[in-house]
Amino acid sequence: MRTRGSLTVLVAMLFAATLGLDDAHAQQPIRSVTLGSNQPGTVAYAAASAIAKVVSGEAPFQMVVQPHAGATTYFPILNSGELDLGFVSAPDMVMSYQRGAVPELGGKNPYPHTPNMRLVMRGAPIVVNLLVRRDSPIRTIREVRGMRVTAQYPAQLLNHRLIFAYLTSAGLGWDDVKQVPVPAVNEGVDAMVQGRADVSVHALNAAKVREAHAAVGVRVISAECSPEGEQRARKIAGTYPRLVKAGVAVEQETCMIAFDYYLATHRAASDQMVGAVLKAIWDNADKLPPFHPFLREWTRERAVDPSVTIPYHPEAVRFYRERGKWSEEMERTQKRLLSLNP
């Protein structure tokens, strides 16, 4: 009996010790988190650096920006949890999370499947310029027919689709232009500056655009924003037209293509990490705009919206519910998106 009683006590002690170890492991403080972004010179990198600085100053851990050749290249490691957080776009998530078809790529979908992606915060809209050299004879999107246009973008598949959105707005397609393959967005602008391409694309107010403008002079051309043109362009899910006032390389008010940028994580991300990051940005959103014009619209008001293309992380849902930002419509959207990848 004593042996049995001693064995029972020993098992109980071992069980309690195991629970203690598990609890201690669960409570391990987070020292740093990684944020994936595009390469330096892009708006995404500038925005990621700003958010990392704000979060590092407010959260109990450091946020480190991890640049990649393009968002598509880090989707797999964000989906698996090797990367803690990353910038993703609404149209990219239609392709990788929802697995939409891509008519302009022969109906195939080259995006990696990302069923574990979860949204932390809907961010600002990013506007993309269709660019030509200042001395180019091209003045309108319709005059792009037969010209050399950067294409494919294997590291940033979204850019191929964005150029197609511009072409589509004018009733054109990839068969109407000469494709110049480039790996990513900065290389596309280089090809245009160097005379290897006539037309390329980049984000509004990007450092790379300013660099090209200083080197050879560049200007943007408008999408076709008649009612019919807008309807055609919106076929690229997750994009929408937007009027932009005159500025660097923008000679007059111009209609461009825009889409929403997201701060995303993965399904297994800890509530502790997601909550701390979200609170740091939520409480300090007013500190972001001085870093880059793009961040002027990275606001609390835009954080939750039924138009999103991936579901929110559970901790983000709790956070927004506590602040009265989670509507019945948003709940229906969340359930629909979760059902796509049960």
C-alpha atoms as a PDB file:
ATOM      1  CA  MET A   1       0.000   0.000   0.000  1.00  0.00           C
ATOM      2  CA  ARG A   2       2.810   2.350   0.844  1.00  0.00           C
ATOM      3  CA  THR A   3       4.427   1.603  -2.511  1.00  0.00           C
ATOM      4  CA  ARG A   4       1.157   2.274  -4.331  1.00  0.00           C
ATOM      5  CA  GLY A   5       0.614   5.453  -2.328  1.00  0.00           C
ATOM      6  CA  SER A   6       4.173   6.642  -2.966  1.00  0.00           C
ATOM      7  CA  LEU A   7       3.755   5.902  -6.677  1.00  0.00           C
ATOM      8  CA  THR A   8       0.527   7.906  -6.739  1.00  0.00           C
ATOM      9  CA  VAL A   9       2.222  10.853  -5.071  1.00  0.00           C
ATOM     10  CA  LEU A  10       5.162  10.625  -7.473  1.00  0.00           C
ATOM     11  CA  VAL A  11       2.872  10.573 -10.530  1.00  0.00           C
ATOM     12  CA  ALA A  12       0.937  13.531  -9.159  1.00  0.00           C
ATOM     13  CA  MET A  13       4.168  15.464  -8.579  1.00  0.00           C
ATOM     14  CA  LEU A  14       5.422  14.703 -12.090  1.00  0.00           C
ATOM     15  CA  PHE A  15       2.081  15.736 -13.579  1.00  0.00           C
ATOM     16  CA  ALA A  16       2.134  18.998 -11.631  1.00  0.00           C
ATOM     17  CA  ALA A  17       5.709  19.665 -12.717  1.00  0.00           C
ATOM     18  CA  THR A  18       4.750  19.053 -16.342  1.00  0.00           C
ATOM     19  CA  LEU A  19       1.885  21.509 -16.060  1.00  0.00           C
ATOM     20  CA  GLY A  20       4.251  24.012 -14.518  1.00  0.00           C
ATOM     21  CA  LEU A  21       6.707  23.626 -17.373  1.00  0.00           C
ATOM     22  CA  ASP A  22       3.949  23.979 -19.970  1.00  0.00           C
ATOM     23  CA  ASP A  23       2.643  27.071 -18.219  1.00  0.00           C
ATOM     24  CA  ALA A  24       6.111  28.561 -17.964  1.00  0.00           C
ATOM     25  CA  HIS A  25       6.681  27.862 -21.655  1.00  0.00           C
ATOM     26  CA  ALA A  26       3.361  29.494 -22.551  1.00  0.00           C
ATOM     27  CA  GLN A  27       4.278  32.578 -20.571  1.00  0.00           C
ATOM     28  CA  GLN A  28       7.691  33.027 -22.169  1.00  0.00           C
ATOM     29  CA  PRO A  29       7.993  36.709 -23.086  1.00  0.00           C
ATOM     30  CA  ILE A  30       8.249  37.554 -26.783  1.00  0.00           C
ATOM     31  CA  ARG A  31      11.549  39.275 -27.512  1.00  0.00           C
ATOM     32  CA  SER A  32      11.102  40.077 -31.201  1.00  0.00           C
ATOM     33  CA  VAL A  33       8.759  39.509 -34.132  1.00  0.00           C
ATOM     34  CA  THR A  34       9.435  39.633 -37.871  1.00  0.00           C
ATOM     35  CA  LEU A  35       7.510  41.673 -40.422  1.00  0.00           C
ATOM     36  CA  GLY A  36       7.829  40.675 -44.075  1.00  0.00           C
ATOM     37  CA  SER A  37       7.810  43.360 -46.751  1.00  0.00           C
ATOM     38  CA  ASN A  38       8.952  44.101 -50.275  1.00  0.00           C
ATOM     39  CA  GLN A  39      12.451  45.325 -51.062  1.00  0.00           C
ATOM     40  CA  PRO A  40      13.838  48.789 -50.164  1.00  0.00           C
ATOM     41  CA  GLY A  41      12.676  51.526 -52.538  1.00  0.00           C
ATOM     42  CA  THR A  42       9.062  50.337 -52.400  1.00  0.00           C
ATOM     43  CA  VAL A  43       6.166  51.915 -50.528  1.00  0.00           C
ATOM     44  CA  ALA A  44       5.662  48.612 -48.700  1.00  0.00           C
ATOM     45  CA  TYR A  45       9.187  48.716 -47.286  1.00  0.00           C
ATOM     46  CA  ALA A  46       8.835  52.338 -46.178  1.00  0.00           C
ATOM     47  CA  ALA A  47       5.505  51.577 -44.501  1.00  0.00           C
ATOM     48  CA  ALA A  48       6.830  48.417 -42.863  1.00  0.00           C
ATOM     49  CA  SER A  49       9.794  50.327 -41.443  1.00  0.00           C
ATOM     50  CA  ALA A  50       7.474  52.967 -39.993  1.00  0.00           C
ATOM     51  CA  ILE A  51       5.129  50.437 -38.409  1.00  0.00           C
ATOM     52  CA  ALA A  52       8.077  48.476 -37.010  1.00  0.00           C
ATOM     53  CA  LYS A  53       9.450  51.609 -35.392  1.00  0.00           C
ATOM     54  CA  VAL A  54       6.111  52.522 -33.801  1.00  0.00           C
ATOM     55  CA  VAL A  55       5.429  48.981 -32.579  1.00  0.00           C
ATOM     56  CA  SER A  56       8.956  48.563 -31.211  1.00  0.00           C
ATOM     57  CA  GLY A  57       8.492  51.748 -29.199  1.00  0.00           C
ATOM     58  CA  GLU A  58       5.163  50.694 -27.713  1.00  0.00           C
ATOM     59  CA  ALA A  59       5.013  46.879 -27.523  1.00  0.00           C
ATOM     60  CA  PRO A  60       7.035  44.747 -25.060  1.00  0.00           C
ATOM     61  CA  PHE A  61       9.139  43.423 -27.944  1.00  0.00           C
ATOM     62  CA  GLN A  62      11.026  44.589 -31.011  1.00  0.00           C
ATOM     63  CA  MET A  63       9.601  44.341 -34.519  1.00  0.00           C
ATOM     64  CA  VAL A  64      12.190  43.627 -37.216  1.00  0.00           C
ATOM     65  CA  VAL A  65      11.512  44.247 -40.916  1.00  0.00           C
ATOM     66  CA  GLN A  66      12.515  41.349 -43.150  1.00  0.00           C
ATOM     67  CA  PRO A  67      12.628  42.498 -46.815  1.00  0.00           C
ATOM     68  CA  HIS A  68      12.049  40.036 -49.634  1.00  0.00           C
ATOM     69  CA  ALA A  69      12.224  40.180 -53.429  1.00  0.00           C
ATOM     70  CA  GLY A  70       8.432  40.393 -53.423  1.00  0.00           C
ATOM     71  CA  ALA A  71       5.364  39.564 -51.378  1.00  0.00           C
ATOM     72  CA  THR A  72       4.670  36.368 -53.316  1.00  0.00           C
ATOM     73  CA  THR A  73       8.046  34.978 -52.229  1.00  0.00           C
ATOM     74  CA  TYR A  74       7.267  35.223 -48.514  1.00  0.00           C
ATOM     75  CA  PHE A  75       3.647  34.036 -48.613  1.00  0.00           C
ATOM     76  CA  PRO A  76       4.654  30.391 -47.918  1.00  0.00           C
ATOM     77  CA  ILE A  77       6.693  31.212 -44.802  1.00  0.00           C
ATOM     78  CA  LEU A  78       4.029  33.586 -43.505  1.00  0.00           C
ATOM     79  CA  ASN A  79       1.388  30.914 -44.043  1.00  0.00           C
ATOM     80  CA  SER A  80       3.545  28.337 -42.188  1.00  0.00           C
ATOM     81  CA  GLY A  81       4.382  30.640 -39.275  1.00  0.00           C
ATOM     82  CA  GLU A  82       8.107  30.949 -39.982  1.00  0.00           C
ATOM     83  CA  LEU A  83       7.405  34.650 -40.512  1.00  0.00           C
ATOM     84  CA  ASP A  84       5.304  36.336 -37.813  1.00  0.00           C
ATOM     85  CA  LEU A  85       3.658  39.100 -39.830  1.00  0.00           C
ATOM     86  CA  GLY A  86       3.636  40.413 -43.365  1.00  0.00           C
ATOM     87  CA  PHE A  87       2.187  43.004 -45.698  1.00  0.00           C
ATOM     88  CA  VAL A  88      -0.261  41.455 -48.152  1.00  0.00           C
ATOM     89  CA  SER A  89      -2.745  42.946 -50.598  1.00  0.00           C
ATOM     90  CA  ALA A  90      -6.461  42.404 -51.110  1.00  0.00           C
ATOM     91  CA  PRO A  91      -6.101  41.152 -54.726  1.00  0.00           C
ATOM     92  CA  ASP A  92      -3.187  38.869 -53.782  1.00  0.00           C
ATOM     93  CA  MET A  93      -5.343  37.240 -51.105  1.00  0.00           C
ATOM     94  CA  VAL A  94      -8.129  36.619 -53.597  1.00  0.00           C
ATOM     95  CA  MET A  95      -5.598  34.545 -55.505  1.00  0.00           C
ATOM     96  CA  SER A  96      -3.697  32.816 -52.689  1.00  0.00           C
ATOM     97  CA  TYR A  97      -6.291  32.429 -49.914  1.00  0.00           C
ATOM     98  CA  GLN A  98      -9.477  32.217 -51.977  1.00  0.00           C
ATOM     99  CA  ARG A  99      -7.733  30.505 -54.928  1.00  0.00           C
ATOM    100  CA  GLY A 100      -9.443  32.562 -57.622  1.00  0.00           C
ATOM    101  CA  ALA A 101      -8.820  31.885 -61.291  1.00  0.00           C
ATOM    102  CA  VAL A 102      -6.477  34.175 -63.230  1.00  0.00           C
ATOM    103  CA  PRO A 103      -7.830  34.611 -66.773  1.00  0.00           C
ATOM    104  CA  GLU A 104      -4.886  36.786 -67.844  1.00  0.00           C
ATOM    105  CA  LEU A 105      -2.503  33.949 -66.951  1.00  0.00           C
ATOM    106  CA  GLY A 106      -4.256  31.375 -69.104  1.00  0.00           C
ATOM    107  CA  GLY A 107      -6.763  30.532 -66.384  1.00  0.00           C
ATOM    108  CA  LYS A 108      -4.022  29.103 -64.151  1.00  0.00           C
ATOM    109  CA  ASN A 109      -3.317  30.278 -60.617  1.00  0.00           C
ATOM    110  CA  PRO A 110       0.453  30.429 -59.939  1.00  0.00           C
ATOM    111  CA  TYR A 111       0.001  31.770 -56.400  1.00  0.00           C
ATOM    112  CA  PRO A 112       0.994  29.581 -53.433  1.00  0.00           C
ATOM    113  CA  HIS A 113      -2.064  28.448 -51.466  1.00  0.00           C
ATOM    114  CA  THR A 114      -2.223  30.214 -48.093  1.00  0.00           C
ATOM    115  CA  PRO A 115      -5.146  28.744 -46.105  1.00  0.00           C
ATOM    116  CA  ASN A 116      -3.632  29.837 -42.777  1.00  0.00           C
ATOM    117  CA  MET A 117      -3.453  33.564 -43.536  1.00  0.00           C
ATOM    118  CA  ARG A 118      -5.243  35.741 -41.006  1.00  0.00           C
ATOM    119  CA  LEU A 119      -5.838  39.485 -40.961  1.00  0.00           C
ATOM    120  CA  VAL A 120      -4.660  41.749 -38.153  1.00  0.00           C
ATOM    121  CA  MET A 121      -5.616  45.099 -39.635  1.00  0.00           C
ATOM    122  CA  ARG A 122      -6.907  46.453 -42.926  1.00  0.00           C
ATOM    123  CA  GLY A 123      -4.485  49.226 -43.779  1.00  0.00           C
ATOM    124  CA  ALA A 124      -4.267  52.024 -46.303  1.00  0.00           C
ATOM    125  CA  PRO A 125      -5.058  51.915 -50.008  1.00  0.00           C
ATOM    126  CA  ILE A 126      -2.004  51.813 -52.223  1.00  0.00           C
ATOM    127  CA  VAL A 127      -2.235  53.549 -55.606  1.00  0.00           C
ATOM    128  CA  VAL A 128      -0.194  52.265 -58.542  1.00  0.00           C
ATOM    129  CA  ASN A 129       1.153  54.372 -61.405  1.00  0.00           C
ATOM    130  CA  LEU A 130       1.466  53.215 -64.966  1.00  0.00           C
ATOM    131  CA  LEU A 131       4.725  54.941 -65.925  1.00  0.00           C
ATOM    132  CA  VAL A 132       6.434  56.088 -69.121  1.00  0.00           C
ATOM    133  CA  ARG A 133       9.527  58.202 -69.681  1.00  0.00           C
ATOM    134  CA  ARG A 134       8.780  61.906 -69.898  1.00  0.00           C
ATOM    135  CA  ASP A 135       9.981  62.004 -73.526  1.00  0.00           C
ATOM    136  CA  SER A 136       7.674  59.122 -74.512  1.00  0.00           C
ATOM    137  CA  PRO A 137       5.022  59.797 -77.189  1.00  0.00           C
ATOM    138  CA  ILE A 138       2.522  57.726 -75.163  1.00  0.00           C
ATOM    139  CA  ARG A 139      -0.119  59.992 -73.615  1.00  0.00           C
ATOM    140  CA  THR A 140      -3.077  57.669 -72.977  1.00  0.00           C
ATOM    141  CA  ILE A 141      -3.599  54.038 -72.042  1.00  0.00           C
ATOM    142  CA  ARG A 142      -5.005  53.320 -75.512  1.00  0.00           C
ATOM    143  CA  GLU A 143      -1.658  54.367 -77.047  1.00  0.00           C
ATOM    144  CA  VAL A 144       0.065  51.512 -75.196  1.00  0.00           C
ATOM    145  CA  ARG A 145      -1.084  49.109 -77.921  1.00  0.00           C
ATOM    146  CA  GLY A 146       1.961  47.549 -79.620  1.00  0.00           C
ATOM    147  CA  MET A 147       4.409  48.981 -77.044  1.00  0.00           C
ATOM    148  CA  ARG A 148       6.914  47.160 -74.807  1.00  0.00           C
ATOM    149  CA  VAL A 149       5.377  46.669 -71.359  1.00  0.00           C
ATOM    150  CA  THR A 150       7.054  45.084 -68.324  1.00  0.00           C
ATOM    151  CA  ALA A 151       5.334  41.840 -67.360  1.00  0.00           C
ATOM    152  CA  GLN A 152       5.259  38.518 -65.473  1.00  0.00           C
ATOM    153  CA  TYR A 153       6.874  39.660 -62.173  1.00  0.00           C
ATOM    154  CA  PRO A 154       7.403  36.167 -60.650  1.00  0.00           C
ATOM    155  CA  ALA A 155       8.471  37.651 -57.292  1.00  0.00           C
ATOM    156  CA  GLN A 156       5.482  40.033 -57.251  1.00  0.00           C
ATOM    157  CA  LEU A 157       2.706  38.438 -59.300  1.00  0.00           C
ATOM    158  CA  LEU A 158       0.341  41.246 -58.336  1.00  0.00           C
ATOM    159  CA  ASN A 159       2.113  43.725 -60.626  1.00  0.00           C
ATOM    160  CA  HIS A 160       1.365  41.621 -63.694  1.00  0.00           C
ATOM    161  CA  ARG A 161      -2.308  41.720 -62.725  1.00  0.00           C
ATOM    162  CA  LEU A 162      -2.273  45.465 -61.995  1.00  0.00           C
ATOM    163  CA  ILE A 163      -0.897  46.284 -65.430  1.00  0.00           C
ATOM    164  CA  PHE A 164      -3.581  44.023 -66.857  1.00  0.00           C
ATOM    165  CA  ALA A 165      -6.181  46.040 -64.914  1.00  0.00           C
ATOM    166  CA  TYR A 166      -4.930  49.193 -66.663  1.00  0.00           C
ATOM    167  CA  LEU A 167      -4.998  47.475 -70.054  1.00  0.00           C
ATOM    168  CA  THR A 168      -8.441  46.024 -69.384  1.00  0.00           C
ATOM    169  CA  SER A 169      -9.849  49.447 -68.552  1.00  0.00           C
ATOM    170  CA  ALA A 170      -9.171  50.411 -72.191  1.00  0.00           C
ATOM    171  CA  GLY A 171     -10.401  47.136 -73.626  1.00  0.00           C
ATOM    172  CA  LEU A 172      -6.851  45.884 -74.215  1.00  0.00           C
ATOM    173  CA  GLY A 173      -5.060  42.719 -73.100  1.00  0.00           C
ATOM    174  CA  TRP A 174      -1.604  41.197 -72.973  1.00  0.00           C
ATOM    175  CA  ASP A 175      -1.895  40.106 -76.605  1.00  0.00           C
ATOM    176  CA  ASP A 176      -2.067  43.782 -77.598  1.00  0.00           C
ATOM    177  CA  VAL A 177       1.405  44.652 -76.213  1.00  0.00           C
ATOM    178  CA  LYS A 178       4.951  43.267 -76.255  1.00  0.00           C
ATOM    179  CA  GLN A 179       5.784  41.722 -72.888  1.00  0.00           C
ATOM    180  CA  VAL A 180       9.174  42.487 -71.308  1.00  0.00           C
ATOM    181  CA  PRO A 181       9.698  39.941 -68.487  1.00  0.00           C
ATOM    182  CA  VAL A 182      11.059  41.367 -65.218  1.00  0.00           C
ATOM    183  CA  PRO A 183      11.376  39.713 -61.775  1.00  0.00           C
ATOM    184  CA  ALA A 184      10.008  42.508 -59.579  1.00  0.00           C
ATOM    185  CA  VAL A 185       8.763  46.083 -59.504  1.00  0.00           C
ATOM    186  CA  ASN A 186      12.075  47.944 -59.074  1.00  0.00           C
ATOM    187  CA  GLU A 187      13.609  46.019 -61.967  1.00  0.00           C
ATOM    188  CA  GLY A 188      10.590  46.958 -64.083  1.00  0.00           C
ATOM    189  CA  VAL A 189      11.238  50.666 -63.569  1.00  0.00           C
ATOM    190  CA  ASP A 190      14.933  50.101 -64.327  1.00  0.00           C
ATOM    191  CA  ALA A 191      13.968  48.500 -67.648  1.00  0.00           C
ATOM    192  CA  MET A 192      11.907  51.564 -68.555  1.00  0.00           C
ATOM    193  CA  VAL A 193      14.613  54.031 -67.488  1.00  0.00           C
ATOM    194  CA  GLN A 194      17.240  52.102 -69.468  1.00  0.00           C
ATOM    195  CA  GLY A 195      15.076  52.033 -72.596  1.00  0.00           C
ATOM    196  CA  ARG A 196      14.392  48.282 -72.607  1.00  0.00           C
ATOM    197  CA  ALA A 197      10.669  48.874 -71.985  1.00  0.00           C
ATOM    198  CA  ASP A 198       8.244  51.668 -72.829  1.00  0.00           C
ATOM    199  CA  VAL A 199       5.802  51.215 -69.945  1.00  0.00           C
ATOM    200  CA  SER A 200       6.144  49.965 -66.368  1.00  0.00           C
ATOM    201  CA  VAL A 201       4.358  50.188 -63.032  1.00  0.00           C
ATOM    202  CA  HIS A 202       5.142  51.233 -59.466  1.00  0.00           C
ATOM    203  CA  ALA A 203       3.398  52.649 -56.428  1.00  0.00           C
ATOM    204  CA  LEU A 204       2.524  56.321 -56.050  1.00  0.00           C
ATOM    205  CA  ASN A 205       5.200  58.278 -54.141  1.00  0.00           C
ATOM    206  CA  ALA A 206       7.621  55.338 -54.117  1.00  0.00           C
ATOM    207  CA  ALA A 207      11.300  56.172 -53.665  1.00  0.00           C
ATOM    208  CA  LYS A 208      12.076  54.260 -56.868  1.00  0.00           C
ATOM    209  CA  VAL A 209       9.731  56.510 -58.863  1.00  0.00           C
ATOM    210  CA  ARG A 210      11.387  59.615 -57.437  1.00  0.00           C
ATOM    211  CA  GLU A 211      14.775  58.172 -58.323  1.00  0.00           C
ATOM    212  CA  ALA A 212      13.672  57.515 -61.916  1.00  0.00           C
ATOM    213  CA  HIS A 213      12.098  60.952 -62.174  1.00  0.00           C
ATOM    214  CA  ALA A 214      15.349  62.570 -61.070  1.00  0.00           C
ATOM    215  CA  ALA A 215      17.370  60.438 -63.503  1.00  0.00           C
ATOM    216  CA  VAL A 216      15.446  60.697 -66.777  1.00  0.00           C
ATOM    217  CA  GLY A 217      12.052  62.219 -65.967  1.00  0.00           C
ATOM    218  CA  VAL A 218       8.945  60.026 -65.870  1.00  0.00           C
ATOM    219  CA  ARG A 219       5.211  60.638 -65.953  1.00  0.00           C
ATOM    220  CA  VAL A 220       2.082  58.603 -65.353  1.00  0.00           C
ATOM    221  CA  ILE A 221      -0.657  57.772 -67.804  1.00  0.00           C
ATOM    222  CA  SER A 222      -4.259  57.389 -66.763  1.00  0.00           C
ATOM    223  CA  ALA A 223      -6.437  54.313 -66.670  1.00  0.00           C
ATOM    224  CA  GLU A 224      -9.623  54.514 -68.755  1.00  0.00           C
ATOM    225  CA  CYS A 225     -12.027  55.758 -66.112  1.00  0.00           C
ATOM    226  CA  SER A 226     -15.216  56.147 -68.083  1.00  0.00           C
ATOM    227  CA  PRO A 227     -18.080  54.158 -66.489  1.00  0.00           C
ATOM    228  CA  GLU A 228     -17.371  51.361 -68.948  1.00  0.00           C
ATOM    229  CA  GLY A 229     -13.630  51.486 -68.242  1.00  0.00           C
ATOM    230  CA  GLU A 230     -14.169  51.335 -64.475  1.00  0.00           C
ATOM    231  CA  GLN A 231     -16.468  48.356 -64.897  1.00  0.00           C
ATOM    232  CA  ARG A 232     -13.844  46.514 -66.944  1.00  0.00           C
ATOM    233  CA  ALA A 233     -11.021  47.309 -64.492  1.00  0.00           C
ATOM    234  CA  ARG A 234     -13.032  46.094 -61.482  1.00  0.00           C
ATOM    235  CA  LYS A 235     -12.999  42.584 -62.958  1.00  0.00           C
ATOM    236  CA  ILE A 236      -9.571  42.298 -61.312  1.00  0.00           C
ATOM    237  CA  ALA A 237     -10.938  41.409 -57.858  1.00  0.00           C
ATOM    238  CA  GLY A 238      -9.669  43.592 -55.023  1.00  0.00           C
ATOM    239  CA  THR A 239      -8.849  46.644 -57.176  1.00  0.00           C
ATOM    240  CA  TYR A 240     -10.729  49.892 -57.754  1.00  0.00           C
ATOM    241  CA  PRO A 241     -10.145  53.236 -59.539  1.00  0.00           C
ATOM    242  CA  ARG A 242      -9.067  56.370 -57.687  1.00  0.00           C
ATOM    243  CA  LEU A 243      -8.436  59.974 -58.765  1.00  0.00           C
ATOM    244  CA  VAL A 244      -5.021  61.334 -57.781  1.00  0.00           C
ATOM    245  CA  LYS A 245      -4.044  65.009 -57.687  1.00  0.00           C
ATOM    246  CA  ALA A 246      -0.977  66.349 -59.510  1.00  0.00           C
ATOM    247  CA  GLY A 247       2.384  65.569 -57.899  1.00  0.00           C
ATOM    248  CA  VAL A 248       5.705  63.850 -58.610  1.00  0.00           C
ATOM    249  CA  ALA A 249       5.442  62.462 -62.185  1.00  0.00           C
ATOM    250  CA  VAL A 250       1.691  63.224 -62.105  1.00  0.00           C
ATOM    251  CA  GLU A 251       1.167  66.212 -64.427  1.00  0.00           C
ATOM    252  CA  GLN A 252      -2.559  66.622 -63.742  1.00  0.00           C
ATOM    253  CA  GLU A 253      -5.372  64.949 -61.826  1.00  0.00           C
ATOM    254  CA  THR A 254      -5.216  61.355 -63.020  1.00  0.00           C
ATOM    255  CA  CYS A 255      -7.315  58.209 -62.667  1.00  0.00           C
ATOM    256  CA  MET A 256      -5.245  55.315 -61.317  1.00  0.00           C
ATOM    257  CA  ILE A 257      -5.763  51.784 -60.024  1.00  0.00           C
ATOM    258  CA  ALA A 258      -5.738  51.220 -56.254  1.00  0.00           C
ATOM    259  CA  PHE A 259      -6.085  48.329 -53.805  1.00  0.00           C
ATOM    260  CA  ASP A 260      -6.033  47.829 -50.033  1.00  0.00           C
ATOM    261  CA  TYR A 261      -2.930  46.758 -48.143  1.00  0.00           C
ATOM    262  CA  TYR A 262      -3.265  44.502 -45.100  1.00  0.00           C
ATOM    263  CA  LEU A 263      -1.167  43.663 -42.066  1.00  0.00           C
ATOM    264  CA  ALA A 264      -1.509  39.880 -41.858  1.00  0.00           C
ATOM    265  CA  THR A 265      -0.330  36.985 -39.735  1.00  0.00           C
ATOM    266  CA  HIS A 266      -0.989  33.233 -39.614  1.00  0.00           C
ATOM    267  CA  ARG A 267      -3.654  31.150 -37.910  1.00  0.00           C
ATOM    268  CA  ALA A 268      -1.337  29.873 -35.129  1.00  0.00           C
ATOM    269  CA  ALA A 269       0.026  33.311 -34.173  1.00  0.00           C
ATOM    270  CA  SER A 270      -0.259  33.909 -30.428  1.00  0.00           C
ATOM    271  CA  ASP A 271      -2.967  36.157 -29.033  1.00  0.00           C
ATOM    272  CA  GLN A 272      -0.244  37.889 -27.013  1.00  0.00           C
ATOM    273  CA  MET A 273       1.671  38.917 -30.131  1.00  0.00           C
ATOM    274  CA  VAL A 274      -1.345  39.894 -32.223  1.00  0.00           C
ATOM    275  CA  GLY A 275      -2.928  41.869 -29.399  1.00  0.00           C
ATOM    276  CA  ALA A 276       0.257  43.777 -28.580  1.00  0.00           C
ATOM    277  CA  VAL A 277       0.940  44.677 -32.232  1.00  0.00           C
ATOM    278  CA  LEU A 278      -2.633  45.748 -32.832  1.00  0.00           C
ATOM    279  CA  LYS A 279      -2.830  47.861 -29.690  1.00  0.00           C
ATOM    280  CA  ALA A 280       0.476  49.580 -30.473  1.00  0.00           C
ATOM    281  CA  ILE A 281      -0.738  50.598 -33.944  1.00  0.00           C
ATOM    282  CA  TRP A 282      -4.288  51.428 -32.815  1.00  0.00           C
ATOM    283  CA  ASP A 283      -3.117  53.712 -30.015  1.00  0.00           C
ATOM    284  CA  ASN A 284      -0.435  55.405 -32.119  1.00  0.00           C
ATOM    285  CA  ALA A 285      -1.921  55.637 -35.610  1.00  0.00           C
ATOM    286  CA  ASP A 286      -1.326  59.395 -35.576  1.00  0.00           C
ATOM    287  CA  LYS A 287       2.452  58.784 -35.441  1.00  0.00           C
ATOM    288  CA  LEU A 288       2.507  56.985 -38.815  1.00  0.00           C
ATOM    289  CA  PRO A 289       1.744  59.691 -41.456  1.00  0.00           C
ATOM    290  CA  PRO A 290       4.997  61.662 -40.968  1.00  0.00           C
ATOM    291  CA  PHE A 291       6.955  58.625 -42.157  1.00  0.00           C
ATOM    292  CA  HIS A 292       5.264  58.362 -45.587  1.00  0.00           C
ATOM    293  CA  PRO A 293       2.201  59.852 -47.355  1.00  0.00           C
ATOM    294  CA  PHE A 294       0.827  56.341 -47.890  1.00  0.00           C
ATOM    295  CA  LEU A 295       0.304  56.025 -44.126  1.00  0.00           C
ATOM    296  CA  ARG A 296      -2.081  58.993 -43.924  1.00  0.00           C
ATOM    297  CA  GLU A 297      -4.912  56.557 -44.523  1.00  0.00           C
ATOM    298  CA  TRP A 298      -3.617  53.827 -42.203  1.00  0.00           C
ATOM    299  CA  THR A 299      -6.308  54.675 -39.669  1.00  0.00           C
ATOM    300  CA  ARG A 300      -8.517  53.132 -37.005  1.00  0.00           C
ATOM    301  CA  GLU A 301     -11.538  53.888 -39.179  1.00  0.00           C
ATOM    302  CA  ARG A 302     -10.237  51.628 -41.966  1.00  0.00           C
ATOM    303  CA  ALA A 303      -9.111  48.744 -39.748  1.00  0.00           C
ATOM    304  CA  VAL A 304     -12.277  46.638 -40.082  1.00  0.00           C
ATOM    305  CA  ASP A 305     -14.343  46.349 -43.248  1.00  0.00           C
ATOM    306  CA  PRO A 306     -16.575  43.680 -44.844  1.00  0.00           C
ATOM    307  CA  SER A 307     -14.719  44.095 -48.153  1.00  0.00           C
ATOM    308  CA  VAL A 308     -11.662  42.201 -46.816  1.00  0.00           C
ATOM    309  CA  THR A 309     -10.495  39.094 -48.657  1.00  0.00           C
ATOM    310  CA  ILE A 310      -9.100  37.010 -45.748  1.00  0.00           C
ATOM    311  CA  PRO A 311     -10.571  36.335 -42.271  1.00  0.00           C
ATOM    312  CA  TYR A 312      -9.362  38.149 -39.173  1.00  0.00           C
ATOM    313  CA  HIS A 313      -7.245  36.474 -36.485  1.00  0.00           C
ATOM    314  CA  PRO A 314      -9.342  35.548 -33.381  1.00  0.00           C
ATOM    315  CA  GLU A 315      -7.469  38.029 -31.194  1.00  0.00           C
ATOM    316  CA  ALA A 316      -8.125  40.792 -33.714  1.00  0.00           C
ATOM    317  CA  VAL A 317     -11.832  39.891 -33.669  1.00  0.00           C
ATOM    318  CA  ARG A 318     -11.863  40.156 -29.860  1.00  0.00           C
ATOM    319  CA  PHE A 319      -9.985  43.473 -30.001  1.00  0.00           C
ATOM    320  CA  TYR A 320     -12.425  45.044 -32.471  1.00  0.00           C
ATOM    321  CA  ARG A 321     -15.485  43.681 -30.659  1.00  0.00           C
ATOM    322  CA  GLU A 322     -14.332  45.308 -27.419  1.00  0.00           C
ATOM    323  CA  ARG A 323     -14.150  48.630 -29.234  1.00  0.00           C
ATOM    324  CA  GLY A 324     -17.548  48.325 -30.892  1.00  0.00           C
ATOM    325  CA  LYS A 325     -16.102  47.977 -34.411  1.00  0.00           C
ATOM    326  CA  TRP A 326     -17.310  44.443 -35.194  1.00  0.00           C
ATOM    327  CA  SER A 327     -20.677  44.572 -36.983  1.00  0.00           C
ATOM    328  CA  GLU A 328     -23.149  41.834 -37.873  1.00  0.00           C
ATOM    329  CA  GLU A 329     -22.164  42.251 -41.504  1.00  0.00           C
ATOM    330  CA  MET A 330     -18.515  41.772 -40.541  1.00  0.00           C
ATOM    331  CA  GLU A 331     -19.441  38.592 -38.656  1.00  0.00           C
ATOM    332  CA  ARG A 332     -21.131  37.199 -41.773  1.00  0.00           C
ATOM    333  CA  THR A 333     -18.067  38.067 -43.866  1.00  0.00           C
ATOM    334  CA  GLN A 334     -15.776  36.368 -41.331  1.00  0.00           C
ATOM    335  CA  LYS A 335     -17.802  33.144 -41.387  1.00  0.00           C
ATOM    336  CA  ARG A 336     -17.906  33.116 -45.194  1.00  0.00           C
ATOM    337  CA  LEU A 337     -14.133  33.592 -45.491  1.00  0.00           C
ATOM    338  CA  LEU A 338     -13.375  30.952 -42.857  1.00  0.00           C
ATOM    339  CA  SER A 339     -15.586  28.463 -44.695  1.00  0.00           C
ATOM    340  CA  LEU A 340     -13.347  28.726 -47.788  1.00  0.00           C
ATOM    341  CA  ASN A 341     -10.476  26.994 -45.941  1.00  0.00           C
ATOM    342  CA  PRO A 342     -12.042  25.013 -43.045  1.00  0.00           C
END
